[in-house]
Amino acid sequence: MKIKGRSFVSFVMETVFKCIPLTDRRDAESFKKSLQASSLPYTLPEKYRSKYGVKEFDDFSDTFVINPEDNSSDLTIFYLHGGGYWSQPLSFHFKFFQKVSQELQAQFILPVYPKAPSFHAIDVHKMIMERYLYLIHDKGIPADKIFLMGESAGGGLALSFLQVLKEQNIPMPKQAILISPWMDVTNTNPAMAEIQPHDPLLNIESLGYGGIIYAGDLDPKNPLVSPIYGDIEGLPPITVFSGTHDILHADILKYSKIASERGEDVTLYTYEKMNHCFVGFPIPEGKKALGIIKRIIRNTI
């Protein structure tokens, strides 16, 4: 489904983005800083606890929860955050998480998985699998009460994770919702170059370099890293949100086409001239997309 038109606010926001220089992960000094930062355990900033109601999930120091006011529901959102597999969640992430949790009265679980360049895809999958199994086995939350969500790198990770769950015959979540997912870390789709002049947030070469480092010893086309090359059949219903001013839109279109040809339950919402992860922005298009997400979840439970 294509959503046309563009708000003035989104235009202004994109203009501001264009004035902010992008960090190049290939730069030696930037790499050194990232290596040092990623080697340290994640510490939740204290301001997020009071401002967004975030706290550690049970005894885990790397997994967090936002509980709704109504704790009687088993509805759980298992969220995999973005950041190119290198960056930790930011303030706007937690603001978005709190909003979704309270409006849907859903328990929001956020595993802050280990980051590149110190850690790699195998480490990340091990961690999120342990947390997911804890939810369904130790906490007794039925898989059909869990919605898997992710944005950017977290969206690609979510699709990879679903493929692993299917392969290992582990109960899968009710549905998955992917926001601007990174489907292929090789960034070799030629259509990306056509979008690049319109994308103020992502750079093909720098992002691709980060993806190769994240892959570690795996082939960058291994489905654990680039789910577009994996088995996408037999997964739960998947809804994808993407904007045409996002270089990742090229592979999202490719994935949607493959899924359609194979008869898979994948719905793509394409927003004209929207940027990467626009769903979380304070713009009309983001609010409309979030409304669709809430409706999908409410109509499914």
C-alpha atoms as a PDB file:
ATOM      1  CA  MET A   1       0.000   0.000   0.000  1.00  0.00           C
ATOM      2  CA  LYS A   2       1.411   3.399  -1.005  1.00  0.00           C
ATOM      3  CA  ILE A   3       0.787   6.441   1.169  1.00  0.00           C
ATOM      4  CA  LYS A   4       1.230   9.597  -0.917  1.00  0.00           C
ATOM      5  CA  GLY A   5       1.612  13.221   0.014  1.00  0.00           C
ATOM      6  CA  ARG A   6       3.939  14.843   2.497  1.00  0.00           C
ATOM      7  CA  SER A   7       3.496  17.112   5.497  1.00  0.00           C
ATOM      8  CA  PHE A   8       5.375  20.376   5.782  1.00  0.00           C
ATOM      9  CA  VAL A   9       6.737  19.246   9.164  1.00  0.00           C
ATOM     10  CA  SER A  10       8.363  16.186   7.594  1.00  0.00           C
ATOM     11  CA  PHE A  11       9.951  18.407   4.939  1.00  0.00           C
ATOM     12  CA  VAL A  12      11.419  20.697   7.600  1.00  0.00           C
ATOM     13  CA  MET A  13      12.713  17.736   9.583  1.00  0.00           C
ATOM     14  CA  GLU A  14      14.433  16.267   6.521  1.00  0.00           C
ATOM     15  CA  THR A  15      16.000  19.669   5.826  1.00  0.00           C
ATOM     16  CA  VAL A  16      17.413  19.713   9.353  1.00  0.00           C
ATOM     17  CA  PHE A  17      18.757  16.168   8.936  1.00  0.00           C
ATOM     18  CA  LYS A  18      20.652  17.270   5.844  1.00  0.00           C
ATOM     19  CA  CYS A  19      22.550  19.827   7.937  1.00  0.00           C
ATOM     20  CA  ILE A  20      23.845  17.211  10.373  1.00  0.00           C
ATOM     21  CA  PRO A  21      27.043  15.452   9.251  1.00  0.00           C
ATOM     22  CA  LEU A  22      26.952  11.639   9.341  1.00  0.00           C
ATOM     23  CA  THR A  23      29.472   9.661  11.377  1.00  0.00           C
ATOM     24  CA  ASP A  24      31.644   7.459   9.162  1.00  0.00           C
ATOM     25  CA  ARG A  25      32.357   4.167  10.912  1.00  0.00           C
ATOM     26  CA  ARG A  26      35.311   3.587   8.596  1.00  0.00           C
ATOM     27  CA  ASP A  27      37.165   6.467  10.220  1.00  0.00           C
ATOM     28  CA  ALA A  28      39.949   5.116  12.478  1.00  0.00           C
ATOM     29  CA  GLU A  29      39.108   7.374  15.411  1.00  0.00           C
ATOM     30  CA  SER A  30      35.378   6.612  15.205  1.00  0.00           C
ATOM     31  CA  PHE A  31      36.127   2.885  15.061  1.00  0.00           C
ATOM     32  CA  LYS A  32      38.370   3.124  18.115  1.00  0.00           C
ATOM     33  CA  LYS A  33      35.664   4.902  20.110  1.00  0.00           C
ATOM     34  CA  SER A  34      33.047   2.368  19.030  1.00  0.00           C
ATOM     35  CA  LEU A  35      35.306  -0.546  19.934  1.00  0.00           C
ATOM     36  CA  GLN A  36      35.844   0.827  23.414  1.00  0.00           C
ATOM     37  CA  ALA A  37      32.180   1.700  23.985  1.00  0.00           C
ATOM     38  CA  SER A  38      30.878  -1.658  22.726  1.00  0.00           C
ATOM     39  CA  SER A  39      33.235  -3.598  24.984  1.00  0.00           C
ATOM     40  CA  LEU A  40      31.525  -2.170  28.080  1.00  0.00           C
ATOM     41  CA  PRO A  41      28.224  -3.430  29.560  1.00  0.00           C
ATOM     42  CA  TYR A  42      25.214  -1.267  28.788  1.00  0.00           C
ATOM     43  CA  THR A  43      24.066   0.952  31.630  1.00  0.00           C
ATOM     44  CA  LEU A  44      20.556   2.363  31.549  1.00  0.00           C
ATOM     45  CA  PRO A  45      20.656   6.163  32.031  1.00  0.00           C
ATOM     46  CA  GLU A  46      18.888   7.060  35.278  1.00  0.00           C
ATOM     47  CA  LYS A  47      16.740   9.681  33.565  1.00  0.00           C
ATOM     48  CA  TYR A  48      15.029   6.948  31.526  1.00  0.00           C
ATOM     49  CA  ARG A  49      13.861   5.227  34.691  1.00  0.00           C
ATOM     50  CA  SER A  50      11.981   8.240  36.032  1.00  0.00           C
ATOM     51  CA  LYS A  51      10.932   9.764  32.722  1.00  0.00           C
ATOM     52  CA  TYR A  52       9.769   6.643  30.866  1.00  0.00           C
ATOM     53  CA  GLY A  53       9.190   4.102  33.620  1.00  0.00           C
ATOM     54  CA  VAL A  54      11.949   1.775  32.415  1.00  0.00           C
ATOM     55  CA  LYS A  55      13.437  -0.824  34.742  1.00  0.00           C
ATOM     56  CA  GLU A  56      15.455  -4.026  34.551  1.00  0.00           C
ATOM     57  CA  PHE A  57      13.490  -7.086  33.507  1.00  0.00           C
ATOM     58  CA  ASP A  58      13.718  -9.518  36.435  1.00  0.00           C
ATOM     59  CA  ASP A  59      17.395 -10.209  37.181  1.00  0.00           C
ATOM     60  CA  PHE A  60      18.739  -9.253  33.758  1.00  0.00           C
ATOM     61  CA  SER A  61      21.048  -6.249  33.636  1.00  0.00           C
ATOM     62  CA  ASP A  62      20.844  -6.020  29.831  1.00  0.00           C
ATOM     63  CA  THR A  63      17.098  -6.424  29.307  1.00  0.00           C
ATOM     64  CA  PHE A  64      14.492  -3.860  30.274  1.00  0.00           C
ATOM     65  CA  VAL A  65      10.748  -3.622  30.694  1.00  0.00           C
ATOM     66  CA  ILE A  66       8.073  -0.962  30.605  1.00  0.00           C
ATOM     67  CA  ASN A  67       4.917  -2.171  32.294  1.00  0.00           C
ATOM     68  CA  PRO A  68       1.468  -0.826  31.426  1.00  0.00           C
ATOM     69  CA  GLU A  69      -0.877   0.546  34.050  1.00  0.00           C
ATOM     70  CA  ASP A  70      -3.047  -2.540  33.577  1.00  0.00           C
ATOM     71  CA  ASN A  71      -0.939  -5.599  34.374  1.00  0.00           C
ATOM     72  CA  SER A  72      -3.780  -8.066  33.841  1.00  0.00           C
ATOM     73  CA  SER A  73      -2.968  -8.642  30.152  1.00  0.00           C
ATOM     74  CA  ASP A  74      -0.356 -11.075  28.820  1.00  0.00           C
ATOM     75  CA  LEU A  75       0.111  -8.921  25.716  1.00  0.00           C
ATOM     76  CA  THR A  76       3.855  -8.537  25.274  1.00  0.00           C
ATOM     77  CA  ILE A  77       5.904  -6.628  22.712  1.00  0.00           C
ATOM     78  CA  PHE A  78       9.388  -8.057  22.282  1.00  0.00           C
ATOM     79  CA  TYR A  79      11.282  -5.187  20.691  1.00  0.00           C
ATOM     80  CA  LEU A  80      14.644  -5.267  18.914  1.00  0.00           C
ATOM     81  CA  HIS A  81      16.007  -1.746  18.619  1.00  0.00           C
ATOM     82  CA  GLY A  82      18.007  -0.305  15.740  1.00  0.00           C
ATOM     83  CA  GLY A  83      21.319   1.481  15.496  1.00  0.00           C
ATOM     84  CA  GLY A  84      23.183  -0.378  12.779  1.00  0.00           C
ATOM     85  CA  TYR A  85      24.133  -3.120  15.286  1.00  0.00           C
ATOM     86  CA  TRP A  86      26.675  -0.612  16.677  1.00  0.00           C
ATOM     87  CA  SER A  87      24.611   1.884  18.696  1.00  0.00           C
ATOM     88  CA  GLN A  88      22.689   1.604  21.946  1.00  0.00           C
ATOM     89  CA  PRO A  89      19.054   2.746  22.231  1.00  0.00           C
ATOM     90  CA  LEU A  90      18.560   6.493  22.485  1.00  0.00           C
ATOM     91  CA  SER A  91      16.109   8.725  24.323  1.00  0.00           C
ATOM     92  CA  PHE A  92      13.676   8.815  21.384  1.00  0.00           C
ATOM     93  CA  HIS A  93      13.572   4.993  21.488  1.00  0.00           C
ATOM     94  CA  PHE A  94      12.389   4.938  25.097  1.00  0.00           C
ATOM     95  CA  LYS A  95       9.865   7.701  24.474  1.00  0.00           C
ATOM     96  CA  PHE A  96       8.452   5.632  21.608  1.00  0.00           C
ATOM     97  CA  PHE A  97       8.461   2.454  23.732  1.00  0.00           C
ATOM     98  CA  GLN A  98       6.561   4.099  26.565  1.00  0.00           C
ATOM     99  CA  LYS A  99       3.972   5.553  24.201  1.00  0.00           C
ATOM    100  CA  VAL A 100       3.288   2.192  22.560  1.00  0.00           C
ATOM    101  CA  SER A 101       3.229   0.338  25.889  1.00  0.00           C
ATOM    102  CA  GLN A 102       0.717   2.661  27.526  1.00  0.00           C
ATOM    103  CA  GLU A 103      -1.572   3.084  24.537  1.00  0.00           C
ATOM    104  CA  LEU A 104      -1.788  -0.677  23.966  1.00  0.00           C
ATOM    105  CA  GLN A 105      -1.563  -1.615  27.644  1.00  0.00           C
ATOM    106  CA  ALA A 106       1.190  -4.037  26.694  1.00  0.00           C
ATOM    107  CA  GLN A 107       4.300  -5.194  28.504  1.00  0.00           C
ATOM    108  CA  PHE A 108       7.263  -3.892  26.526  1.00  0.00           C
ATOM    109  CA  ILE A 109      10.439  -6.005  26.666  1.00  0.00           C
ATOM    110  CA  LEU A 110      13.687  -4.545  25.321  1.00  0.00           C
ATOM    111  CA  PRO A 111      16.792  -6.745  25.163  1.00  0.00           C
ATOM    112  CA  VAL A 112      19.797  -4.448  24.700  1.00  0.00           C
ATOM    113  CA  TYR A 113      21.874  -6.931  22.749  1.00  0.00           C
ATOM    114  CA  PRO A 114      25.702  -6.749  22.527  1.00  0.00           C
ATOM    115  CA  LYS A 115      27.085  -4.372  19.911  1.00  0.00           C
ATOM    116  CA  ALA A 116      29.659  -4.382  17.150  1.00  0.00           C
ATOM    117  CA  PRO A 117      32.515  -3.988  16.675  1.00  0.00           C
ATOM    118  CA  SER A 118      33.311  -5.871  19.906  1.00  0.00           C
ATOM    119  CA  PHE A 119      30.521  -8.401  19.356  1.00  0.00           C
ATOM    120  CA  HIS A 120      28.994 -10.023  16.307  1.00  0.00           C
ATOM    121  CA  ALA A 121      25.841 -11.617  14.921  1.00  0.00           C
ATOM    122  CA  ILE A 122      26.332 -14.958  16.690  1.00  0.00           C
ATOM    123  CA  ASP A 123      26.581 -13.180  20.068  1.00  0.00           C
ATOM    124  CA  VAL A 124      23.464 -11.152  19.342  1.00  0.00           C
ATOM    125  CA  HIS A 125      21.326 -14.115  18.290  1.00  0.00           C
ATOM    126  CA  LYS A 126      22.404 -16.081  21.347  1.00  0.00           C
ATOM    127  CA  MET A 127      21.318 -13.285  23.652  1.00  0.00           C
ATOM    128  CA  ILE A 128      17.912 -12.594  22.124  1.00  0.00           C
ATOM    129  CA  MET A 129      17.128 -16.317  21.915  1.00  0.00           C
ATOM    130  CA  GLU A 130      17.869 -16.704  25.638  1.00  0.00           C
ATOM    131  CA  ARG A 131      15.558 -13.799  26.478  1.00  0.00           C
ATOM    132  CA  TYR A 132      12.780 -15.043  24.217  1.00  0.00           C
ATOM    133  CA  LEU A 133      12.918 -18.566  25.690  1.00  0.00           C
ATOM    134  CA  TYR A 134      12.843 -17.043  29.154  1.00  0.00           C
ATOM    135  CA  LEU A 135       9.612 -15.256  28.248  1.00  0.00           C
ATOM    136  CA  ILE A 136       7.788 -18.312  26.943  1.00  0.00           C
ATOM    137  CA  HIS A 137       9.235 -20.940  29.285  1.00  0.00           C
ATOM    138  CA  ASP A 138      10.175 -19.292  32.596  1.00  0.00           C
ATOM    139  CA  LYS A 139       7.539 -16.552  32.531  1.00  0.00           C
ATOM    140  CA  GLY A 140       4.914 -18.719  30.874  1.00  0.00           C
ATOM    141  CA  ILE A 141       3.835 -16.096  28.326  1.00  0.00           C
ATOM    142  CA  PRO A 142       2.121 -17.822  25.382  1.00  0.00           C
ATOM    143  CA  ALA A 143       3.908 -17.193  22.084  1.00  0.00           C
ATOM    144  CA  ASP A 144       0.611 -16.093  20.541  1.00  0.00           C
ATOM    145  CA  LYS A 145       0.502 -13.231  23.046  1.00  0.00           C
ATOM    146  CA  ILE A 146       3.866 -11.921  21.870  1.00  0.00           C
ATOM    147  CA  PHE A 147       4.339  -9.393  19.071  1.00  0.00           C
ATOM    148  CA  LEU A 148       7.841  -9.109  17.659  1.00  0.00           C
ATOM    149  CA  MET A 149       8.797  -5.589  16.659  1.00  0.00           C
ATOM    150  CA  GLY A 150      12.007  -4.007  15.432  1.00  0.00           C
ATOM    151  CA  GLU A 151      13.297  -0.980  13.592  1.00  0.00           C
ATOM    152  CA  SER A 152      16.249  -0.568  11.234  1.00  0.00           C
ATOM    153  CA  ALA A 153      18.919  -3.130  12.185  1.00  0.00           C
ATOM    154  CA  GLY A 154      16.478  -4.436  14.789  1.00  0.00           C
ATOM    155  CA  GLY A 155      13.923  -5.004  12.031  1.00  0.00           C
ATOM    156  CA  GLY A 156      16.367  -7.102  10.044  1.00  0.00           C
ATOM    157  CA  LEU A 157      17.346  -8.939  13.218  1.00  0.00           C
ATOM    158  CA  ALA A 158      13.678  -9.666  13.914  1.00  0.00           C
ATOM    159  CA  LEU A 159      13.238 -11.289  10.501  1.00  0.00           C
ATOM    160  CA  SER A 160      16.425 -13.324  10.978  1.00  0.00           C
ATOM    161  CA  PHE A 161      15.207 -14.370  14.410  1.00  0.00           C
ATOM    162  CA  LEU A 162      11.872 -15.589  13.054  1.00  0.00           C
ATOM    163  CA  GLN A 163      13.738 -17.780  10.579  1.00  0.00           C
ATOM    164  CA  VAL A 164      15.776 -19.287  13.421  1.00  0.00           C
ATOM    165  CA  LEU A 165      12.652 -19.945  15.497  1.00  0.00           C
ATOM    166  CA  LYS A 166      11.025 -21.738  12.579  1.00  0.00           C
ATOM    167  CA  GLU A 167      14.147 -23.780  11.843  1.00  0.00           C
ATOM    168  CA  GLN A 168      14.426 -24.878  15.474  1.00  0.00           C
ATOM    169  CA  ASN A 169      10.686 -25.550  15.784  1.00  0.00           C
ATOM    170  CA  ILE A 170      10.258 -23.014  18.592  1.00  0.00           C
ATOM    171  CA  PRO A 171       6.830 -21.359  18.974  1.00  0.00           C
ATOM    172  CA  MET A 172       6.816 -18.130  16.989  1.00  0.00           C
ATOM    173  CA  PRO A 173       5.264 -14.782  17.973  1.00  0.00           C
ATOM    174  CA  LYS A 174       1.748 -13.915  16.885  1.00  0.00           C
ATOM    175  CA  GLN A 175       2.931 -11.327  14.361  1.00  0.00           C
ATOM    176  CA  ALA A 176       5.935  -9.228  13.468  1.00  0.00           C
ATOM    177  CA  ILE A 177       6.016  -5.510  12.742  1.00  0.00           C
ATOM    178  CA  LEU A 178       9.146  -4.187  11.062  1.00  0.00           C
ATOM    179  CA  ILE A 179       9.958  -0.479  10.753  1.00  0.00           C
ATOM    180  CA  SER A 180      12.498   0.442   8.055  1.00  0.00           C
ATOM    181  CA  PRO A 181      14.220  -2.962   8.408  1.00  0.00           C
ATOM    182  CA  TRP A 182      17.785  -3.579   7.227  1.00  0.00           C
ATOM    183  CA  MET A 183      17.355  -6.739   5.154  1.00  0.00           C
ATOM    184  CA  ASP A 184      20.795  -7.090   3.545  1.00  0.00           C
ATOM    185  CA  VAL A 185      23.962  -5.802   5.208  1.00  0.00           C
ATOM    186  CA  THR A 186      25.960  -6.088   1.971  1.00  0.00           C
ATOM    187  CA  ASN A 187      24.156  -2.968   0.672  1.00  0.00           C
ATOM    188  CA  THR A 188      24.766  -4.182  -2.891  1.00  0.00           C
ATOM    189  CA  ASN A 189      21.306  -3.532  -4.323  1.00  0.00           C
ATOM    190  CA  PRO A 190      21.941  -1.068  -7.215  1.00  0.00           C
ATOM    191  CA  ALA A 191      18.612   0.649  -6.517  1.00  0.00           C
ATOM    192  CA  MET A 192      20.090   2.014  -3.284  1.00  0.00           C
ATOM    193  CA  ALA A 193      22.309   4.393  -5.261  1.00  0.00           C
ATOM    194  CA  GLU A 194      19.231   5.987  -6.819  1.00  0.00           C
ATOM    195  CA  ILE A 195      17.784   6.701  -3.371  1.00  0.00           C
ATOM    196  CA  GLN A 196      21.028   7.855  -1.736  1.00  0.00           C
ATOM    197  CA  PRO A 197      20.770  11.545  -2.816  1.00  0.00           C
ATOM    198  CA  HIS A 198      17.417  11.736  -1.006  1.00  0.00           C
ATOM    199  CA  ASP A 199      18.531   9.994   2.213  1.00  0.00           C
ATOM    200  CA  PRO A 200      20.073  12.358   4.791  1.00  0.00           C
ATOM    201  CA  LEU A 201      20.386   9.716   7.512  1.00  0.00           C
ATOM    202  CA  LEU A 202      22.142   6.683   6.022  1.00  0.00           C
ATOM    203  CA  ASN A 203      25.194   6.220   3.818  1.00  0.00           C
ATOM    204  CA  ILE A 204      25.539   3.078   1.696  1.00  0.00           C
ATOM    205  CA  GLU A 205      29.286   2.560   2.171  1.00  0.00           C
ATOM    206  CA  SER A 206      29.563   3.448   5.856  1.00  0.00           C
ATOM    207  CA  LEU A 207      26.494   1.436   6.832  1.00  0.00           C
ATOM    208  CA  GLY A 208      27.639  -1.523   4.742  1.00  0.00           C
ATOM    209  CA  TYR A 209      31.051  -1.465   6.417  1.00  0.00           C
ATOM    210  CA  GLY A 210      29.349  -1.654   9.800  1.00  0.00           C
ATOM    211  CA  GLY A 211      27.293  -4.609   8.614  1.00  0.00           C
ATOM    212  CA  ILE A 212      30.355  -6.545   7.466  1.00  0.00           C
ATOM    213  CA  ILE A 213      31.999  -6.027  10.866  1.00  0.00           C
ATOM    214  CA  TYR A 214      28.779  -7.139  12.593  1.00  0.00           C
ATOM    215  CA  ALA A 215      28.777 -10.354  10.531  1.00  0.00           C
ATOM    216  CA  GLY A 216      32.072 -11.402  12.111  1.00  0.00           C
ATOM    217  CA  ASP A 217      33.097 -14.841  10.838  1.00  0.00           C
ATOM    218  CA  LEU A 218      29.796 -15.305   9.002  1.00  0.00           C
ATOM    219  CA  ASP A 219      29.309 -14.650   5.314  1.00  0.00           C
ATOM    220  CA  PRO A 220      27.520 -11.273   5.101  1.00  0.00           C
ATOM    221  CA  LYS A 221      24.836 -13.057   3.072  1.00  0.00           C
ATOM    222  CA  ASN A 222      24.214 -15.578   5.845  1.00  0.00           C
ATOM    223  CA  PRO A 223      20.530 -15.271   6.842  1.00  0.00           C
ATOM    224  CA  LEU A 224      21.576 -14.652  10.457  1.00  0.00           C
ATOM    225  CA  VAL A 225      22.987 -11.368   9.156  1.00  0.00           C
ATOM    226  CA  SER A 226      20.991 -10.671   5.989  1.00  0.00           C
ATOM    227  CA  PRO A 227      17.538 -12.302   6.299  1.00  0.00           C
ATOM    228  CA  ILE A 228      16.557 -11.515   2.707  1.00  0.00           C
ATOM    229  CA  TYR A 229      18.696 -14.529   1.717  1.00  0.00           C
ATOM    230  CA  GLY A 230      16.975 -16.840   4.202  1.00  0.00           C
ATOM    231  CA  ASP A 231      13.826 -18.951   4.140  1.00  0.00           C
ATOM    232  CA  ILE A 232      11.011 -16.423   4.419  1.00  0.00           C
ATOM    233  CA  GLU A 233       8.230 -18.984   4.025  1.00  0.00           C
ATOM    234  CA  GLY A 234       6.054 -20.261   6.850  1.00  0.00           C
ATOM    235  CA  LEU A 235       6.539 -17.260   9.129  1.00  0.00           C
ATOM    236  CA  PRO A 236       3.771 -15.457  11.027  1.00  0.00           C
ATOM    237  CA  PRO A 237       2.102 -12.419   9.430  1.00  0.00           C
ATOM    238  CA  ILE A 238       4.558  -9.566   8.922  1.00  0.00           C
ATOM    239  CA  THR A 239       3.812  -5.873   8.441  1.00  0.00           C
ATOM    240  CA  VAL A 240       6.544  -3.574   7.141  1.00  0.00           C
ATOM    241  CA  PHE A 241       6.711   0.230   7.168  1.00  0.00           C
ATOM    242  CA  SER A 242       9.119   2.013   4.837  1.00  0.00           C
ATOM    243  CA  GLY A 243       9.770   5.425   3.290  1.00  0.00           C
ATOM    244  CA  THR A 244      11.022   6.179  -0.203  1.00  0.00           C
ATOM    245  CA  HIS A 245      13.763   8.534   1.071  1.00  0.00           C
ATOM    246  CA  ASP A 246      15.474   5.632   2.844  1.00  0.00           C
ATOM    247  CA  ILE A 247      18.226   3.642   1.075  1.00  0.00           C
ATOM    248  CA  LEU A 248      16.943   0.497   2.820  1.00  0.00           C
ATOM    249  CA  HIS A 249      13.682   0.858   0.919  1.00  0.00           C
ATOM    250  CA  ALA A 250      15.344  -0.793  -2.093  1.00  0.00           C
ATOM    251  CA  ASP A 251      15.784  -4.124  -0.314  1.00  0.00           C
ATOM    252  CA  ILE A 252      12.454  -3.800   1.459  1.00  0.00           C
ATOM    253  CA  LEU A 253      10.766  -3.641  -1.953  1.00  0.00           C
ATOM    254  CA  LYS A 254      12.812  -6.640  -3.070  1.00  0.00           C
ATOM    255  CA  TYR A 255      11.775  -8.625   0.000  1.00  0.00           C
ATOM    256  CA  SER A 256       8.112  -7.660  -0.416  1.00  0.00           C
ATOM    257  CA  LYS A 257       8.177  -8.836  -4.031  1.00  0.00           C
ATOM    258  CA  ILE A 258       9.716 -12.188  -3.097  1.00  0.00           C
ATOM    259  CA  ALA A 259       7.175 -12.675  -0.303  1.00  0.00           C
ATOM    260  CA  SER A 260       4.274 -11.817  -2.618  1.00  0.00           C
ATOM    261  CA  GLU A 261       5.463 -14.268  -5.271  1.00  0.00           C
ATOM    262  CA  ARG A 262       5.636 -17.007  -2.643  1.00  0.00           C
ATOM    263  CA  GLY A 263       2.222 -16.225  -1.211  1.00  0.00           C
ATOM    264  CA  GLU A 264       3.483 -15.158   2.196  1.00  0.00           C
ATOM    265  CA  ASP A 265       1.441 -12.962   4.534  1.00  0.00           C
ATOM    266  CA  VAL A 266       3.532  -9.805   4.251  1.00  0.00           C
ATOM    267  CA  THR A 267       1.980  -6.329   4.093  1.00  0.00           C
ATOM    268  CA  LEU A 268       4.106  -3.345   3.077  1.00  0.00           C
ATOM    269  CA  TYR A 269       3.141   0.250   3.811  1.00  0.00           C
ATOM    270  CA  THR A 270       5.227   2.595   1.654  1.00  0.00           C
ATOM    271  CA  TYR A 271       5.239   6.299   2.538  1.00  0.00           C
ATOM    272  CA  GLU A 272       6.340   8.726  -0.143  1.00  0.00           C
ATOM    273  CA  LYS A 273       9.363  10.914   0.716  1.00  0.00           C
ATOM    274  CA  MET A 274       9.618   9.596   4.268  1.00  0.00           C
ATOM    275  CA  ASN A 275      12.999   9.060   5.903  1.00  0.00           C
ATOM    276  CA  HIS A 276      14.501   6.129   7.739  1.00  0.00           C
ATOM    277  CA  CYS A 277      12.472   5.168  10.855  1.00  0.00           C
ATOM    278  CA  PHE A 278       9.983   8.002  10.280  1.00  0.00           C
ATOM    279  CA  VAL A 279       7.375   6.101  12.310  1.00  0.00           C
ATOM    280  CA  GLY A 280       9.000   7.331  15.509  1.00  0.00           C
ATOM    281  CA  PHE A 281       9.214  10.973  14.407  1.00  0.00           C
ATOM    282  CA  PRO A 282       6.820  13.673  15.693  1.00  0.00           C
ATOM    283  CA  ILE A 283       5.276  14.158  12.250  1.00  0.00           C
ATOM    284  CA  PRO A 284       1.771  13.419  10.901  1.00  0.00           C
ATOM    285  CA  GLU A 285       3.009  10.497   8.799  1.00  0.00           C
ATOM    286  CA  GLY A 286       4.655   8.902  11.826  1.00  0.00           C
ATOM    287  CA  LYS A 287       1.508   9.298  13.900  1.00  0.00           C
ATOM    288  CA  LYS A 288      -0.612   7.731  11.156  1.00  0.00           C
ATOM    289  CA  ALA A 289       1.766   4.786  10.826  1.00  0.00           C
ATOM    290  CA  LEU A 290       1.760   4.292  14.587  1.00  0.00           C
ATOM    291  CA  GLY A 291      -2.025   4.319  14.473  1.00  0.00           C
ATOM    292  CA  ILE A 292      -1.942   1.490  11.952  1.00  0.00           C
ATOM    293  CA  ILE A 293       0.436  -0.479  14.165  1.00  0.00           C
ATOM    294  CA  LYS A 294      -1.855  -0.084  17.151  1.00  0.00           C
ATOM    295  CA  ARG A 295      -4.864  -1.129  15.088  1.00  0.00           C
ATOM    296  CA  ILE A 296      -3.052  -4.238  13.817  1.00  0.00           C
ATOM    297  CA  ILE A 297      -2.203  -5.328  17.348  1.00  0.00           C
ATOM    298  CA  ARG A 298      -5.635  -4.532  18.802  1.00  0.00           C
ATOM    299  CA  ASN A 299      -7.435  -6.372  15.995  1.00  0.00           C
ATOM    300  CA  THR A 300      -5.261  -9.441  16.445  1.00  0.00           C
ATOM    301  CA  ILE A 301      -5.406 -10.007  20.189  1.00  0.00           C
END
